Amino acid sequence: MSDDIPRRRPSGLGRGLSSLLGDIQRESPVGGSGNKGDVRQIPVASIEPHPDQPRRSFDEASLSELAESIRARGVIQPIVVRPHGHRFQIVAGERRWRAAQKARLHEIPAIVREFSDAETLEVALLENIQRQDLNAIEEAQGYRRLLDEYGHTQEALGRLVHKSRSHVSNLLRLLDLPASVQAMVANGELTMGHARALVTADDPEALAREVVSRGLSVREAEKLAQAGKAKARRRAPVEYKGAHADIAALERQLGDMLGLKVAIRHSPKGGEVRLVYSSLDQLDMICQRLSGDKF
């Protein structure tokens, strides 16, 4: 797409990918006339992935399972593409397209719609986040591109992906880590909680290797990072104080998982977990997570 296309806010975004696709499918039924916006069958060979798709890693075992399902039942949910010269470029659904190739399908159902470069990145990012397909580094890199190249703010990004501004900010900080540590997060050796602790460490690479080799918990990684900083300042290591530190660590871990602010009140007789949301979309996300429904 040309760089001259105005960087406008997409009218369908911010309401969730399912809402966007629902609008398209209501407007254009399957087997339509072939106009842009219809759900129609497109040759798999005429489709190419987007080079800046946020998701970089695709698990082969998971792809094979999806391919077997597609062989048995077909592609249930169409992918989304945009015109790209004489071909089509994937906006959302690259995993389904890859699995369709494995299943040796010649055609795949697709929604064809015009998207600018910014809209393409937004839809791809939103789909992957809602399906929990991105690792923390991939998600952070997607946020960084939307901030740097398309003028989004952290607050606007939070609304777009239905997560808190602090979640977006914490993810972006992971990009300050050395490339080797980012790779450990991307391949699953370190969790986002571990990575957040390493951001403040004096030597994140050395600490990351120690965390992985010793199989340390997030709290243990936080203690080592704090102790290292205190040692550098020639002061005694800062120690956490009993259960309060455990509760604080659990709040951070749950907050990282949900992308929301989490508050836990605990007492010997029980307690409560409080989730703070700022929009109906975030509330809907909480309900879907609790009920186990798919996005």
Protein backbone atom coordinates (compact mmCIF):
# COMPACT_ATOMS: atom_id res chain seq x y z
CA MET A 1 0.00 0.00 0.00
CA SER A 2 1.20 3.48 -0.72
CA ASP A 3 2.72 5.53 2.07
CA ASP A 4 0.51 8.40 0.89
CA ILE A 5 -2.61 6.78 2.33
CA PRO A 6 -3.87 8.94 5.22
CA ARG A 7 -3.20 7.48 8.63
CA ARG A 8 -6.81 7.49 9.78
CA ARG A 9 -8.21 5.47 12.64
CA PRO A 10 -9.98 2.36 11.31
CA SER A 11 -13.70 2.59 11.89
CA GLY A 12 -14.14 -1.08 12.85
CA LEU A 13 -11.26 -1.41 15.28
CA GLY A 14 -11.30 -0.94 19.02
CA ARG A 15 -14.49 -3.02 19.24
CA GLY A 16 -12.78 -6.40 18.97
CA LEU A 17 -11.87 -8.59 16.02
CA SER A 18 -15.02 -10.69 16.30
CA SER A 19 -17.10 -7.52 15.98
CA LEU A 20 -15.13 -6.42 12.92
CA LEU A 21 -15.48 -9.78 11.19
CA GLY A 22 -19.14 -9.95 12.16
CA ASP A 23 -19.79 -6.65 10.43
CA ILE A 24 -18.09 -7.85 7.26
CA GLN A 25 -19.95 -11.15 7.22
CA ARG A 26 -23.32 -9.48 7.79
CA GLU A 27 -22.61 -7.13 4.91
CA SER A 28 -21.27 -9.85 2.58
CA PRO A 29 -22.54 -13.44 2.84
CA VAL A 30 -20.38 -16.45 1.95
CA GLY A 31 -20.43 -17.14 -1.75
CA GLY A 32 -21.05 -13.51 -2.65
CA SER A 33 -20.58 -11.86 -5.99
CA GLY A 34 -16.82 -11.45 -5.63
CA ASN A 35 -16.90 -7.78 -4.73
CA LYS A 36 -14.40 -6.51 -2.16
CA GLY A 37 -15.77 -7.31 1.27
CA ASP A 38 -17.33 -10.65 0.21
CA VAL A 39 -16.40 -13.95 1.81
CA ARG A 40 -15.19 -15.99 -1.13
CA GLN A 41 -12.91 -18.84 -2.09
CA ILE A 42 -9.42 -17.71 -3.12
CA PRO A 43 -6.60 -19.91 -4.44
CA VAL A 44 -4.11 -20.62 -1.66
CA ALA A 45 -1.28 -19.96 -4.11
CA SER A 46 -2.59 -16.43 -4.77
CA ILE A 47 -2.15 -15.43 -1.13
CA GLU A 48 1.05 -14.26 0.54
CA PRO A 49 1.83 -13.47 4.20
CA HIS A 50 2.38 -9.92 5.39
CA PRO A 51 6.14 -9.34 5.92
CA ASP A 52 5.51 -7.28 9.07
CA GLN A 53 3.06 -9.69 10.71
CA PRO A 54 3.62 -9.44 14.51
CA ARG A 55 3.74 -13.19 14.97
CA ARG A 56 7.10 -14.67 13.95
CA SER A 57 7.01 -18.22 15.34
CA PHE A 58 4.55 -20.96 14.39
CA ASP A 59 4.60 -24.25 16.30
CA GLU A 60 4.81 -27.08 13.77
CA ALA A 61 3.00 -29.62 15.97
CA SER A 62 0.11 -27.19 16.48
CA LEU A 63 0.01 -26.44 12.74
CA SER A 64 -0.16 -30.16 11.97
CA GLU A 65 -3.09 -30.58 14.38
CA LEU A 66 -4.92 -27.69 12.74
CA ALA A 67 -4.18 -29.14 9.29
CA GLU A 68 -5.76 -32.46 10.34
CA SER A 69 -8.83 -30.59 11.58
CA ILE A 70 -9.05 -28.67 8.30
CA ARG A 71 -8.83 -31.92 6.31
CA ALA A 72 -11.77 -33.26 8.28
CA ARG A 73 -13.96 -30.16 8.59
CA GLY A 74 -12.57 -27.53 6.23
CA VAL A 75 -11.66 -23.95 7.19
CA ILE A 76 -14.50 -22.84 9.44
CA GLN A 77 -13.49 -19.20 9.91
CA PRO A 78 -12.34 -17.26 6.83
CA ILE A 79 -9.03 -15.44 6.81
CA VAL A 80 -8.88 -11.70 6.08
CA VAL A 81 -6.83 -10.42 3.13
CA ARG A 82 -6.28 -7.18 1.28
CA PRO A 83 -5.59 -6.69 -2.46
CA HIS A 84 -1.86 -6.59 -3.15
CA GLY A 85 -1.05 -6.09 -6.81
CA HIS A 86 -2.40 -9.09 -8.69
CA ARG A 87 -2.38 -11.17 -5.51
CA PHE A 88 -3.70 -10.95 -1.96
CA GLN A 89 -1.85 -10.23 1.29
CA ILE A 90 -2.89 -11.71 4.62
CA VAL A 91 -4.24 -9.29 7.23
CA ALA A 92 -5.44 -11.90 9.75
CA GLY A 93 -5.32 -15.68 9.69
CA GLU A 94 -1.80 -16.64 8.58
CA ARG A 95 -1.85 -19.73 10.81
CA ARG A 96 -5.02 -21.00 9.09
CA TRP A 97 -3.47 -20.29 5.68
CA ARG A 98 -0.31 -22.23 6.60
CA ALA A 99 -2.39 -25.13 7.92
CA ALA A 100 -4.51 -25.11 4.73
CA GLN A 101 -1.30 -25.54 2.74
CA LYS A 102 -0.33 -28.50 4.93
CA ALA A 103 -3.81 -29.95 4.36
CA ARG A 104 -3.20 -29.56 0.57
CA LEU A 105 -6.24 -27.34 0.02
CA HIS A 106 -6.31 -25.50 -3.28
CA GLU A 107 -8.68 -22.74 -2.08
CA ILE A 108 -9.46 -21.09 1.24
CA PRO A 109 -12.41 -18.88 2.31
CA ALA A 110 -11.30 -15.28 2.68
CA ILE A 111 -12.76 -11.85 3.36
CA VAL A 112 -11.30 -9.31 0.94
CA ARG A 113 -11.17 -5.75 2.22
CA GLU A 114 -9.11 -2.62 1.71
CA PHE A 115 -6.78 -1.87 4.63
CA SER A 116 -4.05 0.72 5.01
CA ASP A 117 -0.68 -0.37 6.37
CA ALA A 118 -1.57 0.90 9.86
CA GLU A 119 -4.94 -0.89 9.83
CA THR A 120 -3.29 -4.10 8.65
CA LEU A 121 -0.86 -4.07 11.56
CA GLU A 122 -3.65 -3.22 14.02
CA VAL A 123 -5.92 -6.06 12.90
CA ALA A 124 -3.04 -8.58 12.88
CA LEU A 125 -1.93 -7.48 16.34
CA LEU A 126 -5.47 -7.56 17.73
CA GLU A 127 -6.22 -11.01 16.35
CA ASN A 128 -3.04 -12.54 17.70
CA ILE A 129 -3.45 -10.96 21.14
CA GLN A 130 -7.07 -12.07 21.44
CA ARG A 131 -6.08 -15.61 20.47
CA GLN A 132 -3.06 -15.43 22.83
CA ASP A 133 -0.76 -16.39 19.96
CA LEU A 134 2.01 -13.83 20.55
CA ASN A 135 4.89 -14.13 22.96
CA ALA A 136 5.66 -11.03 25.04
CA ILE A 137 8.45 -9.83 22.75
CA GLU A 138 6.34 -10.14 19.58
CA GLU A 139 3.53 -8.24 21.28
CA ALA A 140 5.92 -5.51 22.45
CA GLN A 141 7.42 -5.16 18.96
CA GLY A 142 3.94 -4.75 17.50
CA TYR A 143 3.18 -2.00 20.02
CA ARG A 144 6.49 -0.28 19.26
CA ARG A 145 5.75 -0.16 15.53
CA LEU A 146 2.30 1.33 16.11
CA LEU A 147 3.83 3.95 18.40
CA ASP A 148 6.81 4.88 16.24
CA GLU A 149 5.44 4.53 12.72
CA TYR A 150 1.75 5.36 13.05
CA GLY A 151 1.60 7.88 15.88
CA HIS A 152 -0.42 5.88 18.41
CA THR A 153 -0.20 6.68 22.11
CA GLN A 154 0.14 4.08 24.85
CA GLU A 155 -3.32 4.95 26.10
CA ALA A 156 -4.82 4.49 22.62
CA LEU A 157 -3.01 1.18 22.22
CA GLY A 158 -4.44 -0.01 25.52
CA ARG A 159 -7.96 0.76 24.30
CA LEU A 160 -7.28 -0.95 20.97
CA VAL A 161 -6.17 -4.25 22.50
CA HIS A 162 -8.45 -3.98 25.58
CA LYS A 163 -5.59 -3.93 28.07
CA SER A 164 -4.35 -1.43 30.60
CA ARG A 165 -1.88 1.32 29.75
CA SER A 166 0.49 -0.09 32.38
CA HIS A 167 0.44 -3.47 30.60
CA VAL A 168 1.45 -1.79 27.34
CA SER A 169 4.15 0.21 29.13
CA ASN A 170 5.56 -2.87 30.90
CA LEU A 171 5.74 -4.79 27.63
CA LEU A 172 7.53 -1.95 25.85
CA ARG A 173 10.18 -1.93 28.59
CA LEU A 174 11.10 -5.51 27.62
CA LEU A 175 12.55 -4.14 24.39
CA ASP A 176 15.27 -2.46 26.51
CA LEU A 177 16.62 -5.93 27.35
CA PRO A 178 19.65 -7.27 25.42
CA ALA A 179 18.79 -9.25 22.29
CA SER A 180 19.93 -12.53 23.86
CA VAL A 181 17.53 -12.06 26.80
CA GLN A 182 14.68 -11.10 24.45
CA ALA A 183 15.34 -14.36 22.59
CA MET A 184 14.96 -16.31 25.86
CA VAL A 185 11.57 -14.65 26.41
CA ALA A 186 10.51 -15.30 22.81
CA ASN A 187 11.34 -19.02 22.96
CA GLY A 188 9.69 -19.53 26.35
CA GLU A 189 12.78 -19.99 28.53
CA LEU A 190 11.78 -16.88 30.50
CA THR A 191 8.29 -15.63 31.33
CA MET A 192 7.18 -12.02 31.08
CA GLY A 193 7.37 -11.84 34.88
CA HIS A 194 11.02 -12.93 34.79
CA ALA A 195 11.75 -10.43 32.02
CA ARG A 196 10.22 -7.55 33.99
CA ALA A 197 12.55 -8.36 36.89
CA LEU A 198 15.56 -8.47 34.56
CA VAL A 199 14.84 -5.03 33.08
CA THR A 200 16.06 -3.40 36.29
CA ALA A 201 19.09 -5.68 36.79
CA ASP A 202 22.64 -4.36 36.45
CA ASP A 203 23.63 -7.36 34.28
CA PRO A 204 20.43 -8.79 32.77
CA GLU A 205 22.25 -11.30 30.55
CA ALA A 206 24.13 -12.93 33.44
CA LEU A 207 21.04 -12.95 35.62
CA ALA A 208 18.94 -14.43 32.81
CA ARG A 209 21.40 -17.30 32.41
CA GLU A 210 21.28 -17.92 36.16
CA VAL A 211 17.48 -17.86 36.24
CA VAL A 212 17.28 -20.41 33.41
CA SER A 213 20.05 -22.71 34.70
CA ARG A 214 18.67 -22.78 38.26
CA GLY A 215 14.99 -22.76 37.28
CA LEU A 216 14.28 -19.77 39.52
CA SER A 217 10.80 -18.40 40.14
CA VAL A 218 9.79 -14.84 39.29
CA ARG A 219 10.04 -13.82 42.92
CA GLU A 220 13.52 -15.33 43.21
CA ALA A 221 14.58 -13.47 40.07
CA GLU A 222 13.23 -10.23 41.53
CA LYS A 223 15.18 -10.79 44.75
CA LEU A 224 18.41 -11.44 42.85
CA ALA A 225 17.92 -8.31 40.73
CA GLN A 226 17.29 -6.20 43.82
CA ALA A 227 20.22 -7.77 45.68
CA GLY A 228 22.53 -7.08 42.76
CA LYS A 229 21.51 -3.42 42.65
CA ALA A 230 21.96 -3.09 46.40
CA LYS A 231 25.40 -4.71 46.25
CA ALA A 232 26.46 -2.30 43.55
CA ARG A 233 25.46 0.56 45.86
CA ARG A 234 27.44 -1.14 48.70
CA ARG A 235 24.30 -1.67 50.74
CA ALA A 236 22.75 -4.77 52.25
CA PRO A 237 20.40 -6.66 49.93
CA VAL A 238 16.77 -5.61 50.11
CA GLU A 239 14.61 -8.47 51.36
CA TYR A 240 10.91 -8.90 50.80
CA LYS A 241 8.74 -9.11 53.89
CA GLY A 242 6.90 -12.38 54.08
CA ALA A 243 3.40 -12.81 52.72
CA HIS A 244 3.08 -9.22 51.50
CA ALA A 245 5.81 -9.83 48.94
CA ASP A 246 4.14 -13.06 47.81
CA ILE A 247 0.81 -11.27 47.33
CA ALA A 248 2.50 -8.43 45.41
CA ALA A 249 4.28 -10.93 43.16
CA LEU A 250 1.01 -12.79 42.51
CA GLU A 251 -0.74 -9.50 41.65
CA ARG A 252 1.99 -8.72 39.10
CA GLN A 253 1.83 -12.20 37.57
CA LEU A 254 -1.96 -12.16 37.24
CA GLY A 255 -1.79 -8.62 35.86
CA ASP A 256 0.71 -9.75 33.22
CA MET A 257 -1.52 -12.67 32.21
CA LEU A 258 -4.72 -10.59 31.93
CA GLY A 259 -3.35 -7.22 30.90
CA LEU A 260 -5.38 -5.63 33.70
CA LYS A 261 -4.71 -4.18 37.14
CA VAL A 262 -5.16 -6.89 39.77
CA ALA A 263 -5.55 -6.29 43.52
CA ILE A 264 -5.59 -9.10 46.10
CA ARG A 265 -6.82 -8.66 49.67
CA HIS A 266 -5.88 -11.62 51.84
CA SER A 267 -6.56 -12.52 55.48
CA PRO A 268 -6.44 -15.74 57.50
CA LYS A 269 -10.19 -16.18 56.93
CA GLY A 270 -10.05 -15.62 53.18
CA GLY A 271 -9.99 -12.64 50.88
CA GLU A 272 -10.88 -11.27 47.46
CA VAL A 273 -9.34 -10.77 44.02
CA ARG A 274 -10.22 -7.47 42.35
CA LEU A 275 -9.89 -6.96 38.59
CA VAL A 276 -10.00 -3.37 37.36
CA TYR A 277 -11.33 -2.77 33.83
CA SER A 278 -11.80 0.51 31.98
CA SER A 279 -14.14 -0.47 29.13
CA LEU A 280 -16.91 -2.90 28.25
CA ASP A 281 -14.50 -4.65 25.89
CA GLN A 282 -12.18 -5.41 28.81
CA LEU A 283 -15.16 -6.67 30.84
CA ASP A 284 -16.17 -8.89 27.93
CA MET A 285 -12.61 -10.23 27.76
CA ILE A 286 -12.70 -11.07 31.50
CA CYS A 287 -16.01 -12.91 31.07
CA GLN A 288 -14.67 -14.91 28.14
CA ARG A 289 -11.51 -15.86 30.02
CA LEU A 290 -13.51 -17.00 33.07
CA SER A 291 -16.01 -18.96 31.01
CA GLY A 292 -13.36 -20.54 28.79
CA ASP A 293 -14.96 -19.23 25.59
CA LYS A 294 -12.75 -18.62 22.55
CA PHE A 295 -12.35 -15.12 21.14
